[in-house]
Amino acid sequence: MESGVPSHETLTVSLMNWILALLQALATVLGAVLICVLGQVLVKLMEPTLALRALVGRIAGDLLMYASRDPRIAPDDERSKLFRRHASDVFQSSVAVLGYRLFAKLGIIPQKADLE
C-alpha cells in the first residue's frame, strides 16, 4: 500500500540510523578529547626532561667557553661560582624528572651516575 506516508518500519529504521550516526559522532568527539588530554599529559611529563637537556647544553657551552682558563674571559672565582650553580641546577632538574630511569635508558637524558 503506497499512500505516501512512511510506514512504521521505515520510521524505526530511520530513527535507528539517526541514533547510530549520533553515537558515532559522540564517540569520535570523545576519542579526540581523550587523545588531546593524553597528549597534554605527555607534554607536561616531558617538560622537566627537556629542561634538563637544555641545561646540559648550557653547561657544554660554558665548558667550551671557559676551557682556556684565560682570566680575561672570567676570573677563577667567577668560573667556580658558575659551575657550582650549574651543579646545583642539574641536581634540581634531575629530581624534577618523573621516570628518570626510563628516560635515561632510552638515552634521552644522561644516567644519574654521569651527573654525580
N, C-alpha and C. Protein backbone atom coordinates (compact mmCIF):
# COMPACT_ATOMS: atom_id res chain seq x y z
N MET A 1 0.83 -1.18 0.00
CA MET A 1 0.00 0.00 0.00
C MET A 1 0.87 1.24 0.00
N GLU A 2 0.87 1.93 -1.07
CA GLU A 2 1.65 3.15 -1.25
C GLU A 2 0.74 4.35 -1.03
N SER A 3 0.76 4.90 0.15
CA SER A 3 -0.10 6.05 0.41
C SER A 3 0.70 7.34 0.57
N GLY A 4 2.03 7.27 0.46
CA GLY A 4 2.86 8.46 0.60
C GLY A 4 3.27 8.70 2.04
N VAL A 5 2.70 7.96 2.95
CA VAL A 5 3.07 8.09 4.36
C VAL A 5 4.04 6.98 4.68
N PRO A 6 5.19 7.29 5.30
CA PRO A 6 6.16 6.25 5.60
C PRO A 6 5.58 5.26 6.61
N SER A 7 5.94 4.03 6.44
CA SER A 7 5.42 3.00 7.34
C SER A 7 6.14 3.08 8.69
N HIS A 8 5.62 2.38 9.65
CA HIS A 8 6.21 2.33 10.99
C HIS A 8 7.62 1.74 10.93
N GLU A 9 7.84 0.74 10.09
CA GLU A 9 9.15 0.10 9.94
C GLU A 9 10.17 1.09 9.37
N THR A 10 9.75 1.88 8.39
CA THR A 10 10.64 2.86 7.78
C THR A 10 11.05 3.92 8.81
N LEU A 11 10.11 4.38 9.61
CA LEU A 11 10.42 5.37 10.64
C LEU A 11 11.36 4.80 11.70
N THR A 12 11.16 3.55 12.06
CA THR A 12 12.01 2.91 13.06
C THR A 12 13.44 2.78 12.54
N VAL A 13 13.59 2.35 11.29
CA VAL A 13 14.92 2.22 10.69
C VAL A 13 15.58 3.59 10.58
N SER A 14 14.82 4.60 10.17
CA SER A 14 15.36 5.95 10.04
C SER A 14 15.82 6.49 11.40
N LEU A 15 15.04 6.26 12.44
CA LEU A 15 15.39 6.70 13.78
C LEU A 15 16.63 5.97 14.29
N MET A 16 16.72 4.68 14.01
CA MET A 16 17.89 3.91 14.43
C MET A 16 19.15 4.39 13.70
N ASN A 17 19.03 4.70 12.42
CA ASN A 17 20.17 5.23 11.67
C ASN A 17 20.62 6.58 12.24
N TRP A 18 19.65 7.41 12.61
CA TRP A 18 19.96 8.71 13.18
C TRP A 18 20.66 8.55 14.53
N ILE A 19 20.18 7.63 15.37
CA ILE A 19 20.80 7.38 16.68
C ILE A 19 22.21 6.81 16.50
N LEU A 20 22.40 5.90 15.55
CA LEU A 20 23.73 5.35 15.30
C LEU A 20 24.69 6.43 14.82
N ALA A 21 24.23 7.33 13.97
CA ALA A 21 25.08 8.42 13.50
C ALA A 21 25.45 9.35 14.65
N LEU A 22 24.50 9.61 15.52
CA LEU A 22 24.75 10.45 16.69
C LEU A 22 25.76 9.79 17.64
N LEU A 23 25.61 8.50 17.88
CA LEU A 23 26.55 7.78 18.73
C LEU A 23 27.95 7.74 18.12
N GLN A 24 28.02 7.59 16.82
CA GLN A 24 29.32 7.58 16.14
C GLN A 24 29.99 8.96 16.27
N ALA A 25 29.24 10.03 16.11
CA ALA A 25 29.79 11.38 16.26
C ALA A 25 30.25 11.60 17.70
N LEU A 26 29.47 11.14 18.66
CA LEU A 26 29.82 11.28 20.06
C LEU A 26 31.11 10.51 20.38
N ALA A 27 31.23 9.30 19.86
CA ALA A 27 32.44 8.51 20.07
C ALA A 27 33.65 9.18 19.44
N THR A 28 33.48 9.78 18.28
CA THR A 28 34.58 10.48 17.62
C THR A 28 35.04 11.68 18.45
N VAL A 29 34.09 12.45 18.95
CA VAL A 29 34.42 13.63 19.76
C VAL A 29 35.11 13.20 21.06
N LEU A 30 34.58 12.18 21.73
CA LEU A 30 35.19 11.71 22.97
C LEU A 30 36.60 11.16 22.71
N GLY A 31 36.78 10.46 21.61
CA GLY A 31 38.11 9.97 21.26
C GLY A 31 39.09 11.10 21.02
N ALA A 32 38.65 12.14 20.34
CA ALA A 32 39.52 13.30 20.08
C ALA A 32 39.88 14.01 21.38
N VAL A 33 38.92 14.16 22.29
CA VAL A 33 39.20 14.80 23.57
C VAL A 33 40.18 13.96 24.38
N LEU A 34 40.00 12.65 24.37
CA LEU A 34 40.90 11.76 25.11
C LEU A 34 42.33 11.85 24.57
N ILE A 35 42.48 11.85 23.26
CA ILE A 35 43.81 11.96 22.65
C ILE A 35 44.44 13.31 22.98
N CYS A 36 43.67 14.37 22.96
CA CYS A 36 44.18 15.70 23.30
C CYS A 36 44.64 15.74 24.75
N VAL A 37 43.86 15.20 25.67
CA VAL A 37 44.22 15.19 27.09
C VAL A 37 45.48 14.36 27.31
N LEU A 38 45.54 13.18 26.71
CA LEU A 38 46.73 12.34 26.86
C LEU A 38 47.97 13.02 26.28
N GLY A 39 47.82 13.71 25.18
CA GLY A 39 48.94 14.45 24.60
C GLY A 39 49.43 15.54 25.52
N GLN A 40 48.52 16.26 26.15
CA GLN A 40 48.91 17.32 27.07
C GLN A 40 49.60 16.76 28.31
N VAL A 41 49.11 15.62 28.81
CA VAL A 41 49.76 14.98 29.96
C VAL A 41 51.18 14.57 29.58
N LEU A 42 51.35 14.00 28.40
CA LEU A 42 52.68 13.59 27.95
C LEU A 42 53.61 14.80 27.82
N VAL A 43 53.10 15.88 27.28
CA VAL A 43 53.92 17.10 27.15
C VAL A 43 54.33 17.61 28.53
N LYS A 44 53.41 17.61 29.48
CA LYS A 44 53.73 18.09 30.83
C LYS A 44 54.75 17.18 31.50
N LEU A 45 54.69 15.89 31.24
CA LEU A 45 55.67 14.97 31.80
C LEU A 45 57.05 15.15 31.17
N MET A 46 57.08 15.57 29.91
CA MET A 46 58.34 15.72 29.20
C MET A 46 59.03 17.06 29.48
N GLU A 47 58.30 18.06 29.96
CA GLU A 47 58.88 19.38 30.17
C GLU A 47 60.13 19.37 31.06
N PRO A 48 60.12 18.69 32.23
CA PRO A 48 61.35 18.68 33.04
C PRO A 48 62.50 17.96 32.34
N THR A 49 62.18 16.95 31.57
CA THR A 49 63.21 16.22 30.83
C THR A 49 63.86 17.13 29.79
N LEU A 50 63.05 17.88 29.08
CA LEU A 50 63.59 18.81 28.08
C LEU A 50 64.38 19.94 28.74
N ALA A 51 63.93 20.37 29.92
CA ALA A 51 64.66 21.42 30.64
C ALA A 51 66.04 20.91 31.07
N LEU A 52 66.11 19.65 31.49
CA LEU A 52 67.40 19.07 31.85
C LEU A 52 68.33 18.99 30.65
N ARG A 53 67.77 18.60 29.50
CA ARG A 53 68.60 18.54 28.29
C ARG A 53 69.11 19.93 27.91
N ALA A 54 68.28 20.94 28.07
CA ALA A 54 68.70 22.30 27.77
C ALA A 54 69.81 22.74 28.73
N LEU A 55 69.69 22.36 29.99
CA LEU A 55 70.71 22.70 30.97
C LEU A 55 72.04 22.01 30.63
N VAL A 56 71.98 20.77 30.22
CA VAL A 56 73.20 20.06 29.81
C VAL A 56 73.84 20.79 28.63
N GLY A 57 73.04 21.29 27.73
CA GLY A 57 73.56 22.05 26.60
C GLY A 57 74.22 23.35 27.03
N ARG A 58 73.60 24.06 27.99
CA ARG A 58 74.21 25.30 28.50
C ARG A 58 75.55 25.01 29.18
N ILE A 59 75.60 23.90 29.94
CA ILE A 59 76.85 23.53 30.61
C ILE A 59 77.92 23.22 29.58
N ALA A 60 77.56 22.49 28.53
CA ALA A 60 78.53 22.18 27.48
C ALA A 60 79.07 23.46 26.84
N GLY A 61 78.20 24.41 26.61
CA GLY A 61 78.64 25.69 26.04
C GLY A 61 79.57 26.44 26.98
N ASP A 62 79.24 26.44 28.28
CA ASP A 62 80.10 27.12 29.24
C ASP A 62 81.45 26.41 29.39
N LEU A 63 81.43 25.09 29.33
CA LEU A 63 82.71 24.36 29.39
C LEU A 63 83.60 24.74 28.21
N LEU A 64 83.00 24.87 27.07
CA LEU A 64 83.77 25.25 25.88
C LEU A 64 84.30 26.69 26.02
N MET A 65 83.45 27.57 26.50
CA MET A 65 83.85 28.97 26.60
C MET A 65 84.96 29.17 27.63
N TYR A 66 84.86 28.49 28.77
CA TYR A 66 85.82 28.69 29.85
C TYR A 66 86.95 27.66 29.85
N ALA A 67 87.09 26.88 28.81
CA ALA A 67 88.09 25.82 28.77
C ALA A 67 89.51 26.36 28.83
N SER A 68 89.76 27.53 28.28
CA SER A 68 91.13 28.06 28.22
C SER A 68 91.61 28.60 29.57
N ARG A 69 90.70 28.83 30.50
CA ARG A 69 91.02 29.39 31.82
C ARG A 69 91.72 30.74 31.72
N ASP A 70 91.46 31.42 30.66
CA ASP A 70 92.06 32.75 30.47
C ASP A 70 91.37 33.73 31.42
N PRO A 71 92.12 34.42 32.27
CA PRO A 71 91.48 35.34 33.22
C PRO A 71 90.81 36.53 32.53
N ARG A 72 91.13 36.76 31.25
CA ARG A 72 90.45 37.85 30.54
C ARG A 72 88.99 37.48 30.25
N ILE A 73 88.71 36.17 30.15
CA ILE A 73 87.33 35.73 29.90
C ILE A 73 86.53 35.82 31.19
N ALA A 74 87.07 35.25 32.27
CA ALA A 74 86.41 35.32 33.57
C ALA A 74 87.42 34.94 34.64
N PRO A 75 87.37 35.62 35.79
CA PRO A 75 88.25 35.25 36.90
C PRO A 75 87.90 33.86 37.42
N ASP A 76 88.86 33.23 38.10
CA ASP A 76 88.66 31.87 38.60
C ASP A 76 87.46 31.77 39.54
N ASP A 77 87.28 32.73 40.43
CA ASP A 77 86.16 32.64 41.37
C ASP A 77 84.82 32.76 40.65
N GLU A 78 84.75 33.55 39.60
CA GLU A 78 83.50 33.66 38.82
C GLU A 78 83.21 32.34 38.12
N ARG A 79 84.23 31.73 37.54
CA ARG A 79 84.06 30.43 36.88
C ARG A 79 83.60 29.38 37.88
N SER A 80 84.22 29.40 39.04
CA SER A 80 83.88 28.43 40.08
C SER A 80 82.41 28.58 40.51
N LYS A 81 81.97 29.81 40.71
CA LYS A 81 80.57 30.05 41.08
C LYS A 81 79.62 29.58 39.98
N LEU A 82 79.99 29.84 38.74
CA LEU A 82 79.14 29.45 37.61
C LEU A 82 78.95 27.93 37.58
N PHE A 83 80.04 27.18 37.73
CA PHE A 83 79.91 25.73 37.64
C PHE A 83 79.31 25.12 38.90
N ARG A 84 79.45 25.76 40.04
CA ARG A 84 78.72 25.30 41.23
C ARG A 84 77.23 25.51 41.03
N ARG A 85 76.86 26.65 40.42
CA ARG A 85 75.45 26.92 40.12
C ARG A 85 74.92 25.87 39.15
N HIS A 86 75.71 25.56 38.12
CA HIS A 86 75.30 24.52 37.17
C HIS A 86 75.10 23.18 37.88
N ALA A 87 75.99 22.83 38.80
CA ALA A 87 75.88 21.56 39.52
C ALA A 87 74.59 21.49 40.32
N SER A 88 74.25 22.57 41.00
CA SER A 88 73.00 22.56 41.77
C SER A 88 71.78 22.56 40.86
N ASP A 89 71.86 23.25 39.73
CA ASP A 89 70.74 23.24 38.77
C ASP A 89 70.52 21.85 38.17
N VAL A 90 71.62 21.13 37.91
CA VAL A 90 71.49 19.77 37.37
C VAL A 90 70.81 18.88 38.40
N PHE A 91 71.22 18.98 39.65
CA PHE A 91 70.58 18.18 40.69
C PHE A 91 69.10 18.52 40.80
N GLN A 92 68.79 19.79 40.83
CA GLN A 92 67.40 20.22 40.93
C GLN A 92 66.58 19.72 39.75
N SER A 93 67.11 19.84 38.55
CA SER A 93 66.37 19.42 37.36
C SER A 93 66.20 17.91 37.30
N SER A 94 67.23 17.17 37.74
CA SER A 94 67.13 15.71 37.69
C SER A 94 66.10 15.18 38.66
N VAL A 95 65.92 15.86 39.79
CA VAL A 95 64.91 15.44 40.76
C VAL A 95 63.50 15.68 40.21
N ALA A 96 63.33 16.69 39.38
CA ALA A 96 62.01 17.04 38.85
C ALA A 96 61.53 16.10 37.75
N VAL A 97 62.43 15.28 37.19
CA VAL A 97 62.06 14.42 36.07
C VAL A 97 61.38 13.16 36.59
N LEU A 98 60.11 12.98 36.22
CA LEU A 98 59.40 11.74 36.55
C LEU A 98 59.84 10.66 35.57
N GLY A 99 60.09 9.46 36.08
CA GLY A 99 60.51 8.37 35.21
C GLY A 99 61.93 8.56 34.71
N TYR A 100 62.79 9.08 35.58
CA TYR A 100 64.16 9.40 35.18
C TYR A 100 64.87 8.18 34.60
N ARG A 101 64.75 7.04 35.28
CA ARG A 101 65.45 5.83 34.80
C ARG A 101 65.01 5.44 33.41
N LEU A 102 63.71 5.55 33.13
CA LEU A 102 63.20 5.20 31.80
C LEU A 102 63.79 6.12 30.74
N PHE A 103 63.76 7.42 30.98
CA PHE A 103 64.31 8.37 30.01
C PHE A 103 65.82 8.17 29.84
N ALA A 104 66.50 7.81 30.93
CA ALA A 104 67.95 7.58 30.85
C ALA A 104 68.24 6.31 30.03
N LYS A 105 67.43 5.28 30.23
CA LYS A 105 67.63 4.05 29.45
C LYS A 105 67.35 4.28 27.97
N LEU A 106 66.43 5.17 27.67
CA LEU A 106 66.14 5.50 26.27
C LEU A 106 67.20 6.41 25.67
N GLY A 107 68.11 6.92 26.50
CA GLY A 107 69.18 7.78 26.02
C GLY A 107 68.76 9.23 25.83
N ILE A 108 67.61 9.60 26.36
CA ILE A 108 67.12 10.96 26.21
C ILE A 108 67.88 11.90 27.15
N ILE A 109 68.18 11.42 28.35
CA ILE A 109 68.93 12.20 29.33
C ILE A 109 70.06 11.33 29.87
N PRO A 110 71.08 11.96 30.47
CA PRO A 110 72.21 11.17 30.97
C PRO A 110 71.84 10.30 32.18
N GLN A 111 72.60 9.23 32.38
CA GLN A 111 72.40 8.38 33.55
C GLN A 111 72.69 9.19 34.82
N LYS A 112 72.04 8.81 35.93
CA LYS A 112 72.26 9.52 37.20
C LYS A 112 73.73 9.50 37.60
N ALA A 113 74.40 8.37 37.39
CA ALA A 113 75.81 8.26 37.77
C ALA A 113 76.68 9.26 37.00
N ASP A 114 76.29 9.59 35.78
CA ASP A 114 77.06 10.54 34.99
C ASP A 114 76.88 11.97 35.48
N LEU A 115 75.82 12.22 36.24
CA LEU A 115 75.56 13.57 36.74
C LEU A 115 76.26 13.85 38.06
N GLU A 116 76.64 12.80 38.76
CA GLU A 116 77.23 12.99 40.09
C GLU A 116 78.70 13.25 40.04
